[in-house]
C-alpha atoms as a PDB file:
ATOM      1  CA  MET A   1       0.235 -92.426 -21.938  1.00  0.00           C
ATOM      2  CA  ARG A   2      -2.032 -92.424 -18.941  1.00  0.00           C
ATOM      3  CA  ILE A   3      -4.676 -89.726 -19.074  1.00  0.00           C
ATOM      4  CA  HIS A   4      -7.512 -89.239 -16.644  1.00  0.00           C
ATOM      5  CA  ARG A   5     -10.330 -86.732 -16.461  1.00  0.00           C
ATOM      6  CA  ILE A   6     -10.502 -84.297 -13.575  1.00  0.00           C
ATOM      7  CA  GLN A   7     -13.879 -83.811 -11.956  1.00  0.00           C
ATOM      8  CA  ALA A   8     -14.650 -80.122 -11.429  1.00  0.00           C
ATOM      9  CA  GLU A   9     -16.478 -80.719  -8.153  1.00  0.00           C
ATOM     10  CA  LYS A  10     -13.460 -82.553  -6.731  1.00  0.00           C
ATOM     11  CA  ILE A  11     -11.252 -79.597  -7.625  1.00  0.00           C
ATOM     12  CA  LYS A  12     -13.508 -77.086  -5.873  1.00  0.00           C
ATOM     13  CA  GLN A  13     -13.786 -79.211  -2.716  1.00  0.00           C
ATOM     14  CA  GLU A  14     -10.048 -79.828  -2.299  1.00  0.00           C
ATOM     15  CA  GLN A  15      -8.795 -76.259  -2.586  1.00  0.00           C
ATOM     16  CA  SER A  16      -8.278 -73.886   0.295  1.00  0.00           C
ATOM     17  CA  PRO A  17      -9.491 -70.303  -0.088  1.00  0.00           C
ATOM     18  CA  VAL A  18      -7.040 -68.000  -1.883  1.00  0.00           C
ATOM     19  CA  ASP A  19      -6.639 -64.234  -2.019  1.00  0.00           C
ATOM     20  CA  LEU A  20      -7.645 -63.348  -5.576  1.00  0.00           C
ATOM     21  CA  SER A  21      -6.781 -59.673  -5.164  1.00  0.00           C
ATOM     22  CA  GLN A  22      -3.314 -60.562  -6.451  1.00  0.00           C
ATOM     23  CA  LEU A  23      -4.890 -60.928  -9.902  1.00  0.00           C
ATOM     24  CA  GLU A  24      -5.669 -57.212 -10.177  1.00  0.00           C
ATOM     25  CA  HIS A  25      -2.232 -56.315 -11.576  1.00  0.00           C
ATOM     26  CA  LEU A  26      -2.653 -59.012 -14.251  1.00  0.00           C
ATOM     27  CA  PHE A  27      -6.027 -57.618 -15.247  1.00  0.00           C
ATOM     28  CA  ALA A  28      -4.578 -54.125 -15.464  1.00  0.00           C
ATOM     29  CA  LYS A  29      -1.778 -55.395 -17.701  1.00  0.00           C
ATOM     30  CA  TYR A  30      -4.050 -57.259 -20.124  1.00  0.00           C
ATOM     31  CA  ARG A  31      -7.236 -55.189 -19.964  1.00  0.00           C
ATOM     32  CA  ASN A  32      -8.787 -54.643 -23.410  1.00  0.00           C
ATOM     33  CA  LYS A  33      -6.090 -56.667 -25.163  1.00  0.00           C
ATOM     34  CA  SER A  34      -7.222 -59.405 -27.499  1.00  0.00           C
ATOM     35  CA  GLY A  35      -5.641 -62.816 -27.055  1.00  0.00           C
ATOM     36  CA  SER A  36      -5.075 -62.262 -23.355  1.00  0.00           C
ATOM     37  CA  LEU A  37      -6.720 -65.406 -22.003  1.00  0.00           C
ATOM     38  CA  ILE A  38      -3.661 -67.662 -22.057  1.00  0.00           C
ATOM     39  CA  PRO A  39      -1.358 -64.995 -20.565  1.00  0.00           C
ATOM     40  CA  LEU A  40      -3.972 -64.416 -17.828  1.00  0.00           C
ATOM     41  CA  LEU A  41      -4.107 -68.138 -17.089  1.00  0.00           C
ATOM     42  CA  GLN A  42      -0.315 -68.366 -17.117  1.00  0.00           C
ATOM     43  CA  GLY A  43      -0.004 -65.356 -14.810  1.00  0.00           C
ATOM     44  CA  THR A  44      -2.589 -66.784 -12.437  1.00  0.00           C
ATOM     45  CA  GLN A  45      -0.755 -70.082 -12.292  1.00  0.00           C
ATOM     46  CA  HIS A  46       2.540 -68.284 -11.737  1.00  0.00           C
ATOM     47  CA  LEU A  47       1.053 -66.472  -8.733  1.00  0.00           C
ATOM     48  CA  TYR A  48      -0.564 -69.474  -7.056  1.00  0.00           C
ATOM     49  CA  GLY A  49       1.278 -72.468  -8.522  1.00  0.00           C
ATOM     50  CA  PHE A  50      -2.034 -73.588 -10.061  1.00  0.00           C
ATOM     51  CA  ILE A  51      -5.265 -71.967 -11.234  1.00  0.00           C
ATOM     52  CA  PRO A  52      -7.662 -71.781  -8.274  1.00  0.00           C
ATOM     53  CA  ALA A  53     -11.285 -72.599  -9.139  1.00  0.00           C
ATOM     54  CA  PRO A  54     -12.604 -69.147  -8.083  1.00  0.00           C
ATOM     55  CA  ALA A  55     -10.137 -67.484 -10.464  1.00  0.00           C
ATOM     56  CA  PHE A  56     -12.119 -68.809 -13.427  1.00  0.00           C
ATOM     57  CA  ASP A  57     -15.139 -66.697 -12.478  1.00  0.00           C
ATOM     58  CA  MET A  58     -12.987 -63.642 -11.882  1.00  0.00           C
ATOM     59  CA  ILE A  59     -11.214 -64.028 -15.231  1.00  0.00           C
ATOM     60  CA  SER A  60     -14.599 -64.506 -16.892  1.00  0.00           C
ATOM     61  CA  LYS A  61     -15.950 -61.268 -15.420  1.00  0.00           C
ATOM     62  CA  GLU A  62     -12.831 -59.382 -16.453  1.00  0.00           C
ATOM     63  CA  THR A  63     -12.612 -60.711 -20.010  1.00  0.00           C
ATOM     64  CA  GLY A  64     -16.249 -61.376 -20.859  1.00  0.00           C
ATOM     65  CA  ILE A  65     -15.332 -64.944 -21.844  1.00  0.00           C
ATOM     66  CA  GLU A  66     -17.670 -67.629 -20.546  1.00  0.00           C
ATOM     67  CA  THR A  67     -16.319 -69.560 -17.564  1.00  0.00           C
ATOM     68  CA  ALA A  68     -16.880 -72.856 -19.386  1.00  0.00           C
ATOM     69  CA  ASP A  69     -14.778 -71.640 -22.318  1.00  0.00           C
ATOM     70  CA  ILE A  70     -11.964 -70.572 -19.994  1.00  0.00           C
ATOM     71  CA  TYR A  71     -12.108 -73.928 -18.253  1.00  0.00           C
ATOM     72  CA  GLY A  72     -11.991 -75.588 -21.683  1.00  0.00           C
ATOM     73  CA  VAL A  73      -8.776 -73.763 -22.554  1.00  0.00           C
ATOM     74  CA  ALA A  74      -7.199 -74.533 -19.165  1.00  0.00           C
ATOM     75  CA  THR A  75      -7.998 -78.237 -19.429  1.00  0.00           C
ATOM     76  CA  PHE A  76      -6.910 -78.483 -23.064  1.00  0.00           C
ATOM     77  CA  TYR A  77      -3.331 -77.334 -22.471  1.00  0.00           C
ATOM     78  CA  ALA A  78      -1.137 -79.602 -20.345  1.00  0.00           C
ATOM     79  CA  GLN A  79       0.778 -76.606 -18.941  1.00  0.00           C
ATOM     80  CA  PHE A  80      -2.137 -75.564 -16.719  1.00  0.00           C
ATOM     81  CA  ARG A  81      -2.753 -77.058 -13.302  1.00  0.00           C
ATOM     82  CA  LEU A  82      -6.109 -76.979 -11.561  1.00  0.00           C
ATOM     83  CA  ASN A  83      -4.881 -78.224  -8.200  1.00  0.00           C
ATOM     84  CA  PRO A  84      -1.955 -77.334  -5.970  1.00  0.00           C
ATOM     85  CA  VAL A  85       1.204 -79.335  -6.640  1.00  0.00           C
ATOM     86  CA  GLY A  86       3.978 -80.560  -4.407  1.00  0.00           C
ATOM     87  CA  LYS A  87       7.300 -78.871  -3.850  1.00  0.00           C
ATOM     88  CA  VAL A  88       8.895 -81.604  -5.964  1.00  0.00           C
ATOM     89  CA  ILE A  89       7.297 -82.647  -9.240  1.00  0.00           C
ATOM     90  CA  ILE A  90       8.265 -86.076 -10.498  1.00  0.00           C
ATOM     91  CA  LYS A  91       7.629 -86.517 -14.211  1.00  0.00           C
ATOM     92  CA  VAL A  92       7.742 -90.015 -15.644  1.00  0.00           C
ATOM     93  CA  CYS A  93       8.140 -90.130 -19.415  1.00  0.00           C
ATOM     94  CA  HIS A  94       5.648 -92.305 -21.268  1.00  0.00           C
ATOM     95  CA  GLY A  95       6.790 -91.418 -24.788  1.00  0.00           C
ATOM     96  CA  THR A  96       7.348 -94.211 -27.283  1.00  0.00           C
ATOM     97  CA  ALA A  97      10.952 -95.014 -26.323  1.00  0.00           C
ATOM     98  CA  CYS A  98      10.175 -95.000 -22.604  1.00  0.00           C
ATOM     99  CA  HIS A  99       6.931 -96.905 -23.069  1.00  0.00           C
ATOM    100  CA  VAL A 100       8.750 -99.654 -24.964  1.00  0.00           C
ATOM    101  CA  GLN A 101      11.357 -99.783 -22.173  1.00  0.00           C
ATOM    102  CA  ASN A 102       8.575-100.309 -19.572  1.00  0.00           C
ATOM    103  CA  ALA A 103       7.854 -96.826 -18.231  1.00  0.00           C
ATOM    104  CA  ASN A 104       4.743 -98.305 -16.611  1.00  0.00           C
ATOM    105  CA  ALA A 105       6.993-100.172 -14.165  1.00  0.00           C
ATOM    106  CA  ILE A 106       8.620 -96.857 -13.199  1.00  0.00           C
ATOM    107  CA  THR A 107       5.270 -95.152 -12.628  1.00  0.00           C
ATOM    108  CA  ASP A 108       3.917 -98.133 -10.691  1.00  0.00           C
ATOM    109  CA  ALA A 109       6.996 -98.276  -8.433  1.00  0.00           C
ATOM    110  CA  VAL A 110       6.921 -94.527  -7.727  1.00  0.00           C
ATOM    111  CA  GLN A 111       3.181 -94.692  -7.025  1.00  0.00           C
ATOM    112  CA  ASP A 112       3.788 -97.478  -4.519  1.00  0.00           C
ATOM    113  CA  GLU A 113       6.682 -95.621  -2.884  1.00  0.00           C
ATOM    114  CA  LEU A 114       4.810 -92.325  -2.538  1.00  0.00           C
ATOM    115  CA  GLU A 115       1.387 -93.912  -1.962  1.00  0.00           C
ATOM    116  CA  VAL A 116      -0.227 -91.667  -4.591  1.00  0.00           C
ATOM    117  CA  LYS A 117      -1.787 -92.207  -7.986  1.00  0.00           C
ATOM    118  CA  ASP A 118      -0.614 -90.612 -11.191  1.00  0.00           C
ATOM    119  CA  GLY A 119      -1.447 -86.902 -11.061  1.00  0.00           C
ATOM    120  CA  GLU A 120      -1.756 -86.770  -7.285  1.00  0.00           C
ATOM    121  CA  THR A 121       0.240 -85.004  -4.589  1.00  0.00           C
ATOM    122  CA  THR A 122       1.407 -86.620  -1.370  1.00  0.00           C
ATOM    123  CA  PRO A 123      -0.585 -85.575   1.718  1.00  0.00           C
ATOM    124  CA  ASP A 124       2.443 -83.695   3.086  1.00  0.00           C
ATOM    125  CA  GLY A 125       2.547 -81.565  -0.090  1.00  0.00           C
ATOM    126  CA  MET A 126       6.089 -82.652  -0.929  1.00  0.00           C
ATOM    127  CA  PHE A 127       5.720 -84.705  -4.122  1.00  0.00           C
ATOM    128  CA  THR A 128       3.469 -84.644  -7.172  1.00  0.00           C
ATOM    129  CA  LEU A 129       3.640 -87.515  -9.655  1.00  0.00           C
ATOM    130  CA  GLU A 130       2.906 -86.872 -13.325  1.00  0.00           C
ATOM    131  CA  SER A 131       3.039 -89.028 -16.425  1.00  0.00           C
ATOM    132  CA  VAL A 132       4.138 -86.956 -19.419  1.00  0.00           C
ATOM    133  CA  ALA A 133       4.176 -87.589 -23.158  1.00  0.00           C
ATOM    134  CA  CYS A 134       7.904 -87.020 -23.732  1.00  0.00           C
ATOM    135  CA  LEU A 135      10.872 -85.539 -21.895  1.00  0.00           C
ATOM    136  CA  GLY A 136      13.140 -85.553 -24.935  1.00  0.00           C
ATOM    137  CA  CYS A 137      15.682 -87.946 -23.418  1.00  0.00           C
ATOM    138  CA  CYS A 138      14.871 -90.951 -25.590  1.00  0.00           C
ATOM    139  CA  SER A 139      18.403 -92.363 -25.524  1.00  0.00           C
ATOM    140  CA  LEU A 140      18.095 -92.655 -21.728  1.00  0.00           C
ATOM    141  CA  ALA A 141      14.749 -94.488 -21.765  1.00  0.00           C
ATOM    142  CA  PRO A 142      13.020 -95.076 -19.468  1.00  0.00           C
ATOM    143  CA  VAL A 143      13.390 -91.653 -17.861  1.00  0.00           C
ATOM    144  CA  LEU A 144      12.007 -89.627 -15.016  1.00  0.00           C
ATOM    145  CA  MET A 145      12.654 -85.967 -14.328  1.00  0.00           C
ATOM    146  CA  ILE A 146      12.746 -84.289 -10.962  1.00  0.00           C
ATOM    147  CA  GLY A 147      13.064 -80.530 -11.192  1.00  0.00           C
ATOM    148  CA  ASP A 148      15.695 -79.934 -13.860  1.00  0.00           C
ATOM    149  CA  SER A 149      17.429 -83.288 -13.307  1.00  0.00           C
ATOM    150  CA  SER A 150      16.834 -86.295 -15.542  1.00  0.00           C
ATOM    151  CA  PHE A 151      17.396 -89.866 -14.426  1.00  0.00           C
ATOM    152  CA  GLY A 152      17.626 -92.515 -17.125  1.00  0.00           C
ATOM    153  CA  LYS A 153      18.005 -96.205 -17.829  1.00  0.00           C
ATOM    154  CA  LEU A 154      15.773 -96.817 -14.822  1.00  0.00           C
ATOM    155  CA  THR A 155      14.038 -99.828 -13.388  1.00  0.00           C
ATOM    156  CA  GLY A 156      11.257 -99.609 -10.828  1.00  0.00           C
ATOM    157  CA  LYS A 157      13.800-100.349  -8.117  1.00  0.00           C
ATOM    158  CA  SER A 158      16.303 -97.704  -9.245  1.00  0.00           C
ATOM    159  CA  ALA A 159      13.528 -95.118  -9.584  1.00  0.00           C
ATOM    160  CA  VAL A 160      12.490 -95.746  -5.983  1.00  0.00           C
ATOM    161  CA  LYS A 161      16.127 -95.402  -4.920  1.00  0.00           C
ATOM    162  CA  VAL A 162      16.247 -91.930  -6.547  1.00  0.00           C
ATOM    163  CA  ILE A 163      13.034 -90.917  -4.747  1.00  0.00           C
ATOM    164  CA  ARG A 164      14.360 -92.132  -1.400  1.00  0.00           C
ATOM    165  CA  GLU A 165      17.624 -90.217  -1.871  1.00  0.00           C
ATOM    166  CA  ILE A 166      15.644 -87.033  -2.548  1.00  0.00           C
ATOM    167  CA  LYS A 167      13.486 -87.673   0.530  1.00  0.00           C
ATOM    168  CA  ASP A 168      16.647 -88.093   2.640  1.00  0.00           C
ATOM    169  CA  THR A 169      18.171 -84.903   1.218  1.00  0.00           C
ATOM    170  CA  MET A 170      14.998 -82.976   2.020  1.00  0.00           C
ATOM    171  CA  LYS A 171      14.942 -84.320   5.590  1.00  0.00           C
ATOM    172  CA  ASN A 172      18.544 -83.246   6.110  1.00  0.00           C
ATOM    173  CA  GLU A 173      17.759 -79.731   4.837  1.00  0.00           C
ATOM    174  CA  ASN A 174      15.043 -79.285   7.464  1.00  0.00           C
END
């Protein structure tokens, strides 16, 4: 599986300012409750689609947990996002079955088609590409998932065809 480290400074520079006042209802709900960090992070991500960098300081002030410790939790769990994501998230499975069936070719082809690297979002904010450990569709290996739809038995070429069809559908909707 492809894993890369995220530089904190890059995160802070790329994000637009956000209105953190929306977090107040979350703080009211979890105030003085032990074990509230993960629900606070989940709620924050639900509100913004990711966890904005300034939210870490606000959560720290509210909970008394060091910002570095909160950041450690958010970067440990794969469910948390530290940057905005596209409207369409493309997940390419790199579990054992998919890896053996050349999932790297799928990721490489999608990267070339979208002109992004793994973990990045297209400049228009439409697509985010993610490599994941397993999608649970091993009999369909190699697999990619877009939204709730799985596409299996792919080659690089057929994966690009799926992406292009989704692009065309999105153009027609606008």
